[in-house]
Amino acid sequence: MGKITEISPQAKDKTRVNVYIEGKFACGLSLETAVKHRLKAGTEIDDARLREIEFDSEKQAALEKAAAHISKSAKTARELALFLSRKGYGEAVVSFILEKFSEYGYIDDGAYARAYVAAHGKKKGARLMKAELRAKGVADEDIAAAFAEAPPAESAAKAVAEKYMRGKGREPKDIQKLYRHLLSKGFSWEEAASAAEEYKSPQED
């Protein structure tokens, strides 16, 4: 049992409020929910009851917000969880949404990884794409499976090199810039060297 010490509007959504118990953040609720259950500063409430109110009252609104969010572009489970958390939804609600969206195929990190590699594989190297996918919360096994289906990285490096070198010289400094460009795109030294080989003058060898 604890006492609600503050209920304040959320900075980014005035239709929602943050609930604090004994001075500590407890959860986010819609303003309508807070009013319906007569929650206010000074109200005594136990954690189980507050979580029940939060879950039962918030899950439908969270479903709608999550659906609108992923309709703009595909998201990983971590990205969707972060989005909902930043909207003020608690762990129980977030877990419920992730379970439902996974069950219906709305979020699928394996499919996300495959689509990501297919979309970016012609302009980025494996090293960079793997780092970006990990940052999005994709598991290593899903990343490995996505790259197992991807075309050889050498062809992507050569395509990037060809585009970069259009209108540029073939001096050693130009080749060094090409190397750096390819490395910045996540290609390995070997892939960069192979792609740059045809732009080197004979005397450089």
N, C-alpha and C. Protein backbone atom coordinates (compact mmCIF):
# COMPACT_ATOMS: atom_id res chain seq x y z
N MET A 1 0.86 -1.20 0.00
CA MET A 1 0.00 0.00 0.00
C MET A 1 0.89 1.24 0.00
N GLY A 2 0.52 2.20 -0.82
CA GLY A 2 1.25 3.45 -0.87
C GLY A 2 0.32 4.60 -1.16
N LYS A 3 0.81 5.81 -1.00
CA LYS A 3 -0.01 6.99 -1.24
C LYS A 3 0.42 7.67 -2.53
N ILE A 4 -0.56 8.02 -3.35
CA ILE A 4 -0.28 8.79 -4.57
C ILE A 4 0.12 10.19 -4.13
N THR A 5 1.33 10.58 -4.52
CA THR A 5 1.82 11.90 -4.11
C THR A 5 1.70 12.93 -5.22
N GLU A 6 1.56 12.46 -6.46
CA GLU A 6 1.45 13.43 -7.58
C GLU A 6 0.85 12.74 -8.80
N ILE A 7 0.03 13.47 -9.52
CA ILE A 7 -0.46 13.05 -10.84
C ILE A 7 -0.25 14.25 -11.75
N SER A 8 0.63 14.11 -12.72
CA SER A 8 0.98 15.26 -13.56
C SER A 8 0.84 14.92 -15.05
N PRO A 9 0.46 15.89 -15.88
CA PRO A 9 0.33 15.66 -17.33
C PRO A 9 1.68 15.29 -17.95
N GLN A 10 1.65 14.38 -18.92
CA GLN A 10 2.88 14.03 -19.62
C GLN A 10 3.27 15.15 -20.57
N ALA A 11 4.56 15.38 -20.70
CA ALA A 11 5.05 16.51 -21.49
C ALA A 11 4.66 16.41 -22.95
N LYS A 12 4.68 15.18 -23.50
CA LYS A 12 4.44 15.02 -24.94
C LYS A 12 3.01 14.62 -25.29
N ASP A 13 2.19 14.37 -24.29
CA ASP A 13 0.81 13.96 -24.56
C ASP A 13 -0.06 14.41 -23.38
N LYS A 14 -0.76 15.49 -23.57
CA LYS A 14 -1.55 16.07 -22.48
C LYS A 14 -2.79 15.25 -22.14
N THR A 15 -3.10 14.23 -22.96
CA THR A 15 -4.24 13.37 -22.65
C THR A 15 -3.83 12.24 -21.71
N ARG A 16 -2.54 12.20 -21.34
CA ARG A 16 -2.03 11.16 -20.45
C ARG A 16 -1.35 11.81 -19.24
N VAL A 17 -1.32 11.06 -18.14
CA VAL A 17 -0.70 11.58 -16.93
C VAL A 17 0.29 10.56 -16.37
N ASN A 18 1.24 11.04 -15.62
CA ASN A 18 2.16 10.19 -14.88
C ASN A 18 1.71 10.13 -13.43
N VAL A 19 1.71 8.93 -12.88
CA VAL A 19 1.28 8.72 -11.50
C VAL A 19 2.52 8.42 -10.65
N TYR A 20 2.66 9.15 -9.55
CA TYR A 20 3.78 8.96 -8.63
C TYR A 20 3.26 8.48 -7.28
N ILE A 21 3.90 7.45 -6.75
CA ILE A 21 3.56 6.94 -5.42
C ILE A 21 4.76 7.13 -4.51
N GLU A 22 4.51 7.80 -3.40
CA GLU A 22 5.58 8.13 -2.44
C GLU A 22 6.75 8.82 -3.13
N GLY A 23 6.40 9.68 -4.09
CA GLY A 23 7.42 10.48 -4.77
C GLY A 23 8.12 9.80 -5.92
N LYS A 24 7.78 8.53 -6.19
CA LYS A 24 8.44 7.80 -7.27
C LYS A 24 7.47 7.48 -8.38
N PHE A 25 7.95 7.55 -9.66
CA PHE A 25 7.09 7.26 -10.80
C PHE A 25 6.57 5.83 -10.70
N ALA A 26 5.26 5.67 -10.87
CA ALA A 26 4.63 4.35 -10.78
C ALA A 26 4.16 3.85 -12.13
N CYS A 27 3.48 4.72 -12.88
CA CYS A 27 2.99 4.31 -14.20
C CYS A 27 2.41 5.51 -14.93
N GLY A 28 2.09 5.31 -16.20
CA GLY A 28 1.39 6.32 -16.98
C GLY A 28 -0.03 5.84 -17.22
N LEU A 29 -0.97 6.75 -17.22
CA LEU A 29 -2.38 6.43 -17.46
C LEU A 29 -3.00 7.50 -18.34
N SER A 30 -4.10 7.12 -19.02
CA SER A 30 -4.85 8.16 -19.71
C SER A 30 -5.52 9.02 -18.65
N LEU A 31 -5.71 10.28 -18.98
CA LEU A 31 -6.38 11.19 -18.04
C LEU A 31 -7.78 10.67 -17.74
N GLU A 32 -8.44 10.12 -18.75
CA GLU A 32 -9.78 9.57 -18.59
C GLU A 32 -9.79 8.45 -17.55
N THR A 33 -8.76 7.58 -17.61
CA THR A 33 -8.66 6.46 -16.66
C THR A 33 -8.47 6.97 -15.24
N ALA A 34 -7.59 7.96 -15.09
CA ALA A 34 -7.32 8.51 -13.77
C ALA A 34 -8.59 9.11 -13.16
N VAL A 35 -9.36 9.81 -13.99
CA VAL A 35 -10.60 10.43 -13.51
C VAL A 35 -11.64 9.36 -13.19
N LYS A 36 -11.75 8.36 -14.06
CA LYS A 36 -12.73 7.29 -13.88
C LYS A 36 -12.54 6.56 -12.55
N HIS A 37 -11.28 6.33 -12.19
CA HIS A 37 -10.99 5.60 -10.96
C HIS A 37 -10.71 6.54 -9.78
N ARG A 38 -10.97 7.82 -10.00
CA ARG A 38 -10.85 8.83 -8.95
C ARG A 38 -9.47 8.84 -8.30
N LEU A 39 -8.47 8.72 -9.12
CA LEU A 39 -7.11 8.75 -8.61
C LEU A 39 -6.67 10.20 -8.47
N LYS A 40 -6.10 10.52 -7.34
CA LYS A 40 -5.62 11.88 -7.11
C LYS A 40 -4.57 11.84 -6.00
N ALA A 41 -3.84 12.93 -5.86
CA ALA A 41 -2.83 13.03 -4.80
C ALA A 41 -3.49 12.81 -3.45
N GLY A 42 -2.88 11.93 -2.65
CA GLY A 42 -3.43 11.62 -1.33
C GLY A 42 -4.17 10.30 -1.28
N THR A 43 -4.53 9.75 -2.47
CA THR A 43 -5.24 8.48 -2.51
C THR A 43 -4.31 7.33 -2.12
N GLU A 44 -4.80 6.45 -1.24
CA GLU A 44 -4.05 5.26 -0.86
C GLU A 44 -4.39 4.14 -1.85
N ILE A 45 -3.37 3.47 -2.38
CA ILE A 45 -3.60 2.40 -3.35
C ILE A 45 -2.44 1.42 -3.31
N ASP A 46 -2.75 0.13 -3.42
CA ASP A 46 -1.65 -0.84 -3.43
C ASP A 46 -1.20 -1.07 -4.87
N ASP A 47 0.01 -1.60 -5.02
CA ASP A 47 0.61 -1.75 -6.35
C ASP A 47 -0.21 -2.68 -7.24
N ALA A 48 -0.72 -3.75 -6.67
CA ALA A 48 -1.48 -4.72 -7.46
C ALA A 48 -2.73 -4.06 -8.06
N ARG A 49 -3.42 -3.25 -7.28
CA ARG A 49 -4.62 -2.57 -7.77
C ARG A 49 -4.27 -1.56 -8.86
N LEU A 50 -3.19 -0.84 -8.67
CA LEU A 50 -2.77 0.15 -9.67
C LEU A 50 -2.41 -0.54 -10.98
N ARG A 51 -1.71 -1.68 -10.91
CA ARG A 51 -1.34 -2.42 -12.12
C ARG A 51 -2.57 -2.98 -12.81
N GLU A 52 -3.55 -3.38 -12.03
CA GLU A 52 -4.80 -3.88 -12.61
C GLU A 52 -5.53 -2.78 -13.37
N ILE A 53 -5.59 -1.61 -12.75
CA ILE A 53 -6.23 -0.46 -13.41
C ILE A 53 -5.48 -0.11 -14.69
N GLU A 54 -4.17 -0.06 -14.57
CA GLU A 54 -3.33 0.28 -15.72
C GLU A 54 -3.55 -0.70 -16.87
N PHE A 55 -3.45 -1.99 -16.58
CA PHE A 55 -3.54 -3.01 -17.62
C PHE A 55 -4.91 -3.02 -18.29
N ASP A 56 -5.96 -3.12 -17.50
CA ASP A 56 -7.32 -3.22 -18.04
C ASP A 56 -7.73 -1.98 -18.82
N SER A 57 -7.31 -0.82 -18.35
CA SER A 57 -7.75 0.42 -18.96
C SER A 57 -6.85 0.89 -20.11
N GLU A 58 -5.59 0.45 -20.10
CA GLU A 58 -4.63 1.00 -21.04
C GLU A 58 -4.34 0.12 -22.25
N LYS A 59 -4.63 -1.16 -22.16
CA LYS A 59 -4.19 -2.06 -23.23
C LYS A 59 -4.82 -1.73 -24.58
N GLN A 60 -6.08 -1.31 -24.61
CA GLN A 60 -6.72 -0.99 -25.90
C GLN A 60 -6.10 0.25 -26.53
N ALA A 61 -5.85 1.28 -25.72
CA ALA A 61 -5.22 2.49 -26.24
C ALA A 61 -3.81 2.19 -26.72
N ALA A 62 -3.11 1.32 -25.98
CA ALA A 62 -1.75 0.95 -26.37
C ALA A 62 -1.76 0.17 -27.67
N LEU A 63 -2.73 -0.72 -27.84
CA LEU A 63 -2.86 -1.47 -29.10
C LEU A 63 -3.03 -0.52 -30.29
N GLU A 64 -3.87 0.48 -30.10
CA GLU A 64 -4.14 1.43 -31.19
C GLU A 64 -2.89 2.25 -31.52
N LYS A 65 -2.19 2.70 -30.48
CA LYS A 65 -0.97 3.49 -30.72
C LYS A 65 0.11 2.63 -31.38
N ALA A 66 0.24 1.40 -30.93
CA ALA A 66 1.26 0.50 -31.49
C ALA A 66 0.95 0.19 -32.95
N ALA A 67 -0.32 -0.05 -33.25
CA ALA A 67 -0.71 -0.36 -34.63
C ALA A 67 -0.43 0.82 -35.55
N ALA A 68 -0.74 2.02 -35.08
CA ALA A 68 -0.48 3.21 -35.89
C ALA A 68 1.02 3.41 -36.10
N HIS A 69 1.81 3.09 -35.07
CA HIS A 69 3.26 3.27 -35.14
C HIS A 69 3.89 2.33 -36.16
N ILE A 70 3.51 1.06 -36.14
CA ILE A 70 4.14 0.11 -37.07
C ILE A 70 3.56 0.22 -38.47
N SER A 71 2.42 0.89 -38.62
CA SER A 71 1.85 1.06 -39.96
C SER A 71 2.70 2.00 -40.80
N LYS A 72 3.49 2.86 -40.14
CA LYS A 72 4.35 3.80 -40.86
C LYS A 72 5.58 3.11 -41.42
N SER A 73 6.13 2.17 -40.67
CA SER A 73 7.27 1.37 -41.12
C SER A 73 7.46 0.22 -40.16
N ALA A 74 8.06 -0.86 -40.65
CA ALA A 74 8.27 -2.05 -39.81
C ALA A 74 9.16 -1.71 -38.62
N LYS A 75 8.91 -2.37 -37.51
CA LYS A 75 9.67 -2.14 -36.29
C LYS A 75 10.10 -3.47 -35.70
N THR A 76 11.22 -3.46 -34.97
CA THR A 76 11.62 -4.63 -34.21
C THR A 76 10.87 -4.62 -32.88
N ALA A 77 10.94 -5.74 -32.18
CA ALA A 77 10.28 -5.82 -30.87
C ALA A 77 10.84 -4.77 -29.93
N ARG A 78 12.16 -4.58 -29.93
CA ARG A 78 12.75 -3.60 -29.03
C ARG A 78 12.29 -2.19 -29.38
N GLU A 79 12.23 -1.86 -30.65
CA GLU A 79 11.81 -0.52 -31.06
C GLU A 79 10.37 -0.25 -30.64
N LEU A 80 9.51 -1.24 -30.79
CA LEU A 80 8.12 -1.06 -30.40
C LEU A 80 7.99 -0.93 -28.89
N ALA A 81 8.76 -1.73 -28.16
CA ALA A 81 8.73 -1.66 -26.70
C ALA A 81 9.20 -0.30 -26.21
N LEU A 82 10.25 0.23 -26.82
CA LEU A 82 10.75 1.55 -26.44
C LEU A 82 9.72 2.64 -26.74
N PHE A 83 9.07 2.52 -27.88
CA PHE A 83 8.04 3.49 -28.26
C PHE A 83 6.92 3.53 -27.21
N LEU A 84 6.43 2.35 -26.84
CA LEU A 84 5.34 2.28 -25.86
C LEU A 84 5.79 2.75 -24.48
N SER A 85 7.02 2.41 -24.10
CA SER A 85 7.53 2.86 -22.80
C SER A 85 7.63 4.37 -22.74
N ARG A 86 8.08 4.97 -23.85
CA ARG A 86 8.19 6.43 -23.90
C ARG A 86 6.82 7.10 -23.89
N LYS A 87 5.78 6.35 -24.28
CA LYS A 87 4.43 6.88 -24.22
C LYS A 87 3.84 6.74 -22.82
N GLY A 88 4.63 6.12 -21.94
CA GLY A 88 4.19 6.02 -20.55
C GLY A 88 3.51 4.72 -20.18
N TYR A 89 3.50 3.73 -21.08
CA TYR A 89 2.86 2.46 -20.76
C TYR A 89 3.79 1.59 -19.93
N GLY A 90 3.23 0.89 -18.96
CA GLY A 90 4.02 0.06 -18.06
C GLY A 90 4.41 -1.27 -18.66
N GLU A 91 5.20 -2.00 -17.89
CA GLU A 91 5.77 -3.26 -18.37
C GLU A 91 4.71 -4.29 -18.75
N ALA A 92 3.66 -4.39 -17.94
CA ALA A 92 2.61 -5.39 -18.20
C ALA A 92 1.91 -5.11 -19.53
N VAL A 93 1.61 -3.85 -19.78
CA VAL A 93 0.93 -3.47 -21.02
C VAL A 93 1.86 -3.70 -22.21
N VAL A 94 3.12 -3.29 -22.08
CA VAL A 94 4.08 -3.46 -23.17
C VAL A 94 4.25 -4.94 -23.51
N SER A 95 4.38 -5.77 -22.50
CA SER A 95 4.54 -7.21 -22.72
C SER A 95 3.31 -7.80 -23.42
N PHE A 96 2.14 -7.33 -23.02
CA PHE A 96 0.89 -7.79 -23.64
C PHE A 96 0.87 -7.44 -25.13
N ILE A 97 1.25 -6.21 -25.47
CA ILE A 97 1.24 -5.76 -26.86
C ILE A 97 2.26 -6.56 -27.68
N LEU A 98 3.46 -6.74 -27.14
CA LEU A 98 4.49 -7.48 -27.88
C LEU A 98 4.05 -8.92 -28.14
N GLU A 99 3.42 -9.53 -27.14
CA GLU A 99 2.95 -10.91 -27.31
C GLU A 99 1.89 -11.00 -28.39
N LYS A 100 0.93 -10.06 -28.37
CA LYS A 100 -0.15 -10.08 -29.36
C LYS A 100 0.37 -9.79 -30.77
N PHE A 101 1.25 -8.81 -30.88
CA PHE A 101 1.76 -8.44 -32.20
C PHE A 101 2.65 -9.53 -32.77
N SER A 102 3.38 -10.22 -31.91
CA SER A 102 4.21 -11.33 -32.35
C SER A 102 3.33 -12.50 -32.79
N GLU A 103 2.29 -12.75 -32.03
CA GLU A 103 1.35 -13.84 -32.32
C GLU A 103 0.71 -13.67 -33.70
N TYR A 104 0.38 -12.44 -34.05
CA TYR A 104 -0.28 -12.17 -35.33
C TYR A 104 0.70 -11.81 -36.46
N GLY A 105 1.99 -11.86 -36.14
CA GLY A 105 2.98 -11.60 -37.18
C GLY A 105 3.23 -10.14 -37.50
N TYR A 106 2.74 -9.24 -36.64
CA TYR A 106 2.95 -7.82 -36.89
C TYR A 106 4.38 -7.39 -36.56
N ILE A 107 5.02 -8.11 -35.65
CA ILE A 107 6.44 -7.90 -35.41
C ILE A 107 7.12 -9.26 -35.54
N ASP A 108 8.22 -9.27 -36.28
CA ASP A 108 8.97 -10.50 -36.54
C ASP A 108 10.40 -10.07 -36.81
N ASP A 109 11.25 -10.20 -35.80
CA ASP A 109 12.62 -9.71 -35.95
C ASP A 109 13.40 -10.44 -37.05
N GLY A 110 13.10 -11.71 -37.26
CA GLY A 110 13.76 -12.45 -38.32
C GLY A 110 13.40 -11.90 -39.68
N ALA A 111 12.12 -11.65 -39.91
CA ALA A 111 11.66 -11.08 -41.17
C ALA A 111 12.18 -9.65 -41.34
N TYR A 112 12.23 -8.92 -40.21
CA TYR A 112 12.75 -7.55 -40.26
C TYR A 112 14.20 -7.56 -40.72
N ALA A 113 15.00 -8.47 -40.17
CA ALA A 113 16.42 -8.54 -40.53
C ALA A 113 16.60 -8.88 -42.00
N ARG A 114 15.80 -9.82 -42.50
CA ARG A 114 15.90 -10.19 -43.92
C ARG A 114 15.55 -9.02 -44.82
N ALA A 115 14.49 -8.32 -44.47
CA ALA A 115 14.07 -7.17 -45.27
C ALA A 115 15.10 -6.04 -45.20
N TYR A 116 15.69 -5.87 -44.04
CA TYR A 116 16.69 -4.82 -43.85
C TYR A 116 17.92 -5.08 -44.70
N VAL A 117 18.40 -6.31 -44.68
CA VAL A 117 19.58 -6.67 -45.48
C VAL A 117 19.28 -6.55 -46.97
N ALA A 118 18.08 -6.96 -47.38
CA ALA A 118 17.71 -6.86 -48.79
C ALA A 118 17.63 -5.41 -49.25
N ALA A 119 17.14 -4.54 -48.35
CA ALA A 119 16.96 -3.13 -48.71
C ALA A 119 18.27 -2.36 -48.69
N HIS A 120 19.18 -2.69 -47.76
CA HIS A 120 20.40 -1.91 -47.58
C HIS A 120 21.67 -2.61 -48.07
N GLY A 121 21.54 -3.86 -48.49
CA GLY A 121 22.71 -4.64 -48.86
C GLY A 121 23.47 -4.14 -50.07
N LYS A 122 22.83 -3.28 -50.87
CA LYS A 122 23.50 -2.77 -52.06
C LYS A 122 24.29 -1.50 -51.80
N LYS A 123 24.17 -0.97 -50.59
CA LYS A 123 24.88 0.28 -50.31
C LYS A 123 25.61 0.28 -48.96
N LYS A 124 25.49 -0.84 -48.22
CA LYS A 124 26.18 -0.93 -46.94
C LYS A 124 26.85 -2.29 -46.81
N GLY A 125 27.95 -2.32 -46.04
CA GLY A 125 28.64 -3.57 -45.78
C GLY A 125 28.02 -4.33 -44.64
N ALA A 126 28.37 -5.62 -44.53
CA ALA A 126 27.81 -6.48 -43.50
C ALA A 126 28.12 -5.98 -42.10
N ARG A 127 29.34 -5.49 -41.89
CA ARG A 127 29.73 -5.04 -40.56
C ARG A 127 28.82 -3.93 -40.05
N LEU A 128 28.52 -2.96 -40.89
CA LEU A 128 27.66 -1.85 -40.50
C LEU A 128 26.22 -2.31 -40.30
N MET A 129 25.72 -3.12 -41.22
CA MET A 129 24.34 -3.57 -41.11
C MET A 129 24.13 -4.43 -39.87
N LYS A 130 25.10 -5.28 -39.54
CA LYS A 130 24.98 -6.11 -38.34
C LYS A 130 24.93 -5.25 -37.09
N ALA A 131 25.78 -4.21 -37.06
CA ALA A 131 25.80 -3.31 -35.91
C ALA A 131 24.46 -2.58 -35.77
N GLU A 132 23.92 -2.15 -36.90
CA GLU A 132 22.64 -1.43 -36.87
C GLU A 132 21.50 -2.35 -36.43
N LEU A 133 21.51 -3.59 -36.89
CA LEU A 133 20.46 -4.53 -36.50
C LEU A 133 20.55 -4.87 -35.02
N ARG A 134 21.78 -5.04 -34.52
CA ARG A 134 21.93 -5.31 -33.08
C ARG A 134 21.42 -4.14 -32.25
N ALA A 135 21.68 -2.92 -32.73
CA ALA A 135 21.21 -1.72 -32.02
C ALA A 135 19.69 -1.67 -31.98
N LYS A 136 19.05 -2.31 -32.95
CA LYS A 136 17.60 -2.34 -33.00
C LYS A 136 17.03 -3.51 -32.19
N GLY A 137 17.94 -4.30 -31.59
CA GLY A 137 17.48 -5.39 -30.73
C GLY A 137 17.33 -6.73 -31.41
N VAL A 138 17.79 -6.86 -32.65
CA VAL A 138 17.66 -8.13 -33.36
C VAL A 138 18.70 -9.12 -32.83
N ALA A 139 18.28 -10.34 -32.57
CA ALA A 139 19.16 -11.37 -32.03
C ALA A 139 20.18 -11.81 -33.07
N ASP A 140 21.34 -12.26 -32.60
CA ASP A 140 22.42 -12.67 -33.50
C ASP A 140 21.99 -13.80 -34.44
N GLU A 141 21.17 -14.73 -33.95
CA GLU A 141 20.75 -15.83 -34.82
C GLU A 141 19.87 -15.35 -35.97
N ASP A 142 19.04 -14.34 -35.72
CA ASP A 142 18.21 -13.78 -36.79
C ASP A 142 19.07 -13.02 -37.79
N ILE A 143 20.09 -12.33 -37.29
CA ILE A 143 21.00 -11.61 -38.16
C ILE A 143 21.77 -12.59 -39.05
N ALA A 144 22.28 -13.66 -38.44
CA ALA A 144 23.03 -14.66 -39.20
C ALA A 144 22.17 -15.29 -40.28
N ALA A 145 20.93 -15.58 -39.96
CA ALA A 145 20.02 -16.19 -40.94
C ALA A 145 19.75 -15.24 -42.10
N ALA A 146 19.62 -13.96 -41.79
CA ALA A 146 19.37 -12.96 -42.85
C ALA A 146 20.55 -12.86 -43.80
N PHE A 147 21.76 -12.89 -43.26
CA PHE A 147 22.95 -12.78 -44.11
C PHE A 147 23.23 -14.07 -44.87
N ALA A 148 22.73 -15.19 -44.38
CA ALA A 148 22.91 -16.45 -45.09
C ALA A 148 22.17 -16.43 -46.42
N GLU A 149 21.11 -15.62 -46.49
CA GLU A 149 20.31 -15.51 -47.72
C GLU A 149 20.74 -14.33 -48.59
N ALA A 150 21.65 -13.51 -48.11
CA ALA A 150 22.04 -12.29 -48.83
C ALA A 150 23.03 -12.60 -49.94
N PRO A 151 23.07 -11.78 -51.01
CA PRO A 151 24.06 -11.96 -52.07
C PRO A 151 25.46 -11.63 -51.57
N PRO A 152 26.50 -12.05 -52.30
CA PRO A 152 27.88 -11.78 -51.86
C PRO A 152 28.15 -10.30 -51.63
N ALA A 153 28.88 -9.99 -50.55
CA ALA A 153 29.15 -8.59 -50.21
C ALA A 153 30.07 -7.93 -51.23
N GLU A 154 30.91 -8.73 -51.93
CA GLU A 154 31.84 -8.14 -52.89
C GLU A 154 31.12 -7.37 -53.98
N SER A 155 30.00 -7.90 -54.46
CA SER A 155 29.25 -7.22 -55.52
C SER A 155 28.69 -5.89 -55.02
N ALA A 156 28.26 -5.85 -53.75
CA ALA A 156 27.74 -4.61 -53.18
C ALA A 156 28.86 -3.59 -53.06
N ALA A 157 30.04 -4.01 -52.60
CA ALA A 157 31.17 -3.10 -52.45
C ALA A 157 31.57 -2.51 -53.80
N LYS A 158 31.55 -3.33 -54.84
CA LYS A 158 31.92 -2.85 -56.18
C LYS A 158 30.89 -1.85 -56.70
N ALA A 159 29.62 -2.08 -56.39
CA ALA A 159 28.57 -1.15 -56.82
C ALA A 159 28.72 0.20 -56.12
N VAL A 160 29.04 0.16 -54.83
CA VAL A 160 29.24 1.40 -54.07
C VAL A 160 30.47 2.13 -54.58
N ALA A 161 31.53 1.38 -54.87
CA ALA A 161 32.76 1.99 -55.38
C ALA A 161 32.54 2.65 -56.74
N GLU A 162 31.79 1.97 -57.58
CA GLU A 162 31.51 2.51 -58.92
C GLU A 162 30.76 3.84 -58.82
N LYS A 163 29.77 3.88 -57.96
CA LYS A 163 29.00 5.11 -57.80
C LYS A 163 29.87 6.22 -57.22
N TYR A 164 30.70 5.89 -56.24
CA TYR A 164 31.54 6.89 -55.58
C TYR A 164 32.58 7.46 -56.53
N MET A 165 33.13 6.64 -57.41
CA MET A 165 34.25 7.05 -58.26
C MET A 165 33.83 7.79 -59.52
N ARG A 166 32.56 7.92 -59.76
CA ARG A 166 32.11 8.64 -60.96
C ARG A 166 32.58 10.09 -60.91
N GLY A 167 33.30 10.48 -61.93
CA GLY A 167 33.77 11.85 -62.03
C GLY A 167 34.99 12.15 -61.18
N LYS A 168 35.56 11.14 -60.52
CA LYS A 168 36.73 11.36 -59.68
C LYS A 168 37.99 10.85 -60.37
N GLY A 169 39.14 11.33 -59.88
CA GLY A 169 40.42 10.93 -60.44
C GLY A 169 40.84 9.55 -59.99
N ARG A 170 42.04 9.15 -60.44
CA ARG A 170 42.57 7.83 -60.08
C ARG A 170 43.91 7.95 -59.37
N GLU A 171 44.17 9.10 -58.79
CA GLU A 171 45.41 9.31 -58.06
C GLU A 171 45.37 8.51 -56.75
N PRO A 172 46.55 8.23 -56.16
CA PRO A 172 46.59 7.49 -54.89
C PRO A 172 45.67 8.09 -53.81
N LYS A 173 45.61 9.44 -53.76
CA LYS A 173 44.75 10.07 -52.75
C LYS A 173 43.27 9.76 -52.99
N ASP A 174 42.91 9.63 -54.30
CA ASP A 174 41.53 9.30 -54.62
C ASP A 174 41.20 7.88 -54.20
N ILE A 175 42.16 6.97 -54.40
CA ILE A 175 41.96 5.58 -54.01
C ILE A 175 41.86 5.46 -52.49
N GLN A 176 42.68 6.24 -51.78
CA GLN A 176 42.61 6.22 -50.32
C GLN A 176 41.25 6.71 -49.82
N LYS A 177 40.72 7.73 -50.48
CA LYS A 177 39.40 8.24 -50.12
C LYS A 177 38.33 7.17 -50.39
N LEU A 178 38.52 6.44 -51.48
CA LEU A 178 37.59 5.36 -51.81
C LEU A 178 37.62 4.29 -50.72
N TYR A 179 38.84 3.91 -50.30
CA TYR A 179 38.99 2.95 -49.20
C TYR A 179 38.20 3.42 -47.97
N ARG A 180 38.43 4.66 -47.59
CA ARG A 180 37.77 5.19 -46.39
C ARG A 180 36.26 5.20 -46.54
N HIS A 181 35.81 5.54 -47.74
CA HIS A 181 34.38 5.57 -48.00
C HIS A 181 33.78 4.18 -47.85
N LEU A 182 34.44 3.19 -48.42
CA LEU A 182 33.93 1.82 -48.34
C LEU A 182 33.95 1.30 -46.90
N LEU A 183 35.01 1.62 -46.18
CA LEU A 183 35.08 1.20 -44.78
C LEU A 183 33.98 1.86 -43.95
N SER A 184 33.68 3.13 -44.25
CA SER A 184 32.64 3.84 -43.50
C SER A 184 31.26 3.25 -43.76
N LYS A 185 31.14 2.56 -44.89
CA LYS A 185 29.87 1.92 -45.24
C LYS A 185 29.77 0.50 -44.68
N GLY A 186 30.80 0.10 -43.91
CA GLY A 186 30.73 -1.18 -43.24
C GLY A 186 31.34 -2.35 -43.97
N PHE A 187 32.06 -2.07 -45.08
CA PHE A 187 32.73 -3.15 -45.79
C PHE A 187 34.06 -3.47 -45.12
N SER A 188 34.49 -4.72 -45.22
CA SER A 188 35.75 -5.13 -44.62
C SER A 188 36.91 -4.62 -45.47
N TRP A 189 38.15 -4.70 -44.90
CA TRP A 189 39.33 -4.29 -45.66
C TRP A 189 39.44 -5.11 -46.94
N GLU A 190 39.18 -6.40 -46.85
CA GLU A 190 39.30 -7.27 -48.02
C GLU A 190 38.30 -6.88 -49.09
N GLU A 191 37.07 -6.61 -48.70
CA GLU A 191 36.04 -6.22 -49.66
C GLU A 191 36.37 -4.86 -50.28
N ALA A 192 36.85 -3.94 -49.45
CA ALA A 192 37.22 -2.62 -49.96
C ALA A 192 38.39 -2.72 -50.93
N ALA A 193 39.38 -3.54 -50.59
CA ALA A 193 40.56 -3.70 -51.46
C ALA A 193 40.17 -4.29 -52.79
N SER A 194 39.29 -5.30 -52.77
CA SER A 194 38.85 -5.94 -54.00
C SER A 194 38.09 -4.96 -54.89
N ALA A 195 37.22 -4.16 -54.27
CA ALA A 195 36.42 -3.20 -55.05
C ALA A 195 37.27 -2.07 -55.61
N ALA A 196 38.32 -1.68 -54.88
CA ALA A 196 39.17 -0.56 -55.31
C ALA A 196 40.23 -0.97 -56.31
N GLU A 197 40.46 -2.27 -56.44
CA GLU A 197 41.55 -2.78 -57.28
C GLU A 197 41.50 -2.25 -58.70
N GLU A 198 40.33 -2.24 -59.31
CA GLU A 198 40.23 -1.86 -60.71
C GLU A 198 40.44 -0.36 -60.96
N TYR A 199 40.43 0.42 -59.86
CA TYR A 199 40.64 1.86 -60.01
C TYR A 199 42.09 2.27 -59.79
N LYS A 200 42.91 1.32 -59.38
CA LYS A 200 44.32 1.63 -59.14
C LYS A 200 45.11 1.61 -60.44
N SER A 201 46.04 2.53 -60.55
CA SER A 201 46.89 2.58 -61.73
C SER A 201 47.94 1.49 -61.64
N PRO A 202 48.50 1.00 -62.76
CA PRO A 202 49.49 -0.09 -62.74
C PRO A 202 50.68 0.20 -61.85
N GLN A 203 51.17 1.43 -61.82
CA GLN A 203 52.37 1.73 -61.03
C GLN A 203 52.13 1.61 -59.53
N GLU A 204 50.87 1.69 -59.09
CA GLU A 204 50.57 1.54 -57.67
C GLU A 204 50.84 0.13 -57.20
N ASP A 205 50.67 -0.86 -58.07
CA ASP A 205 50.96 -2.24 -57.71
C ASP A 205 52.44 -2.44 -57.49
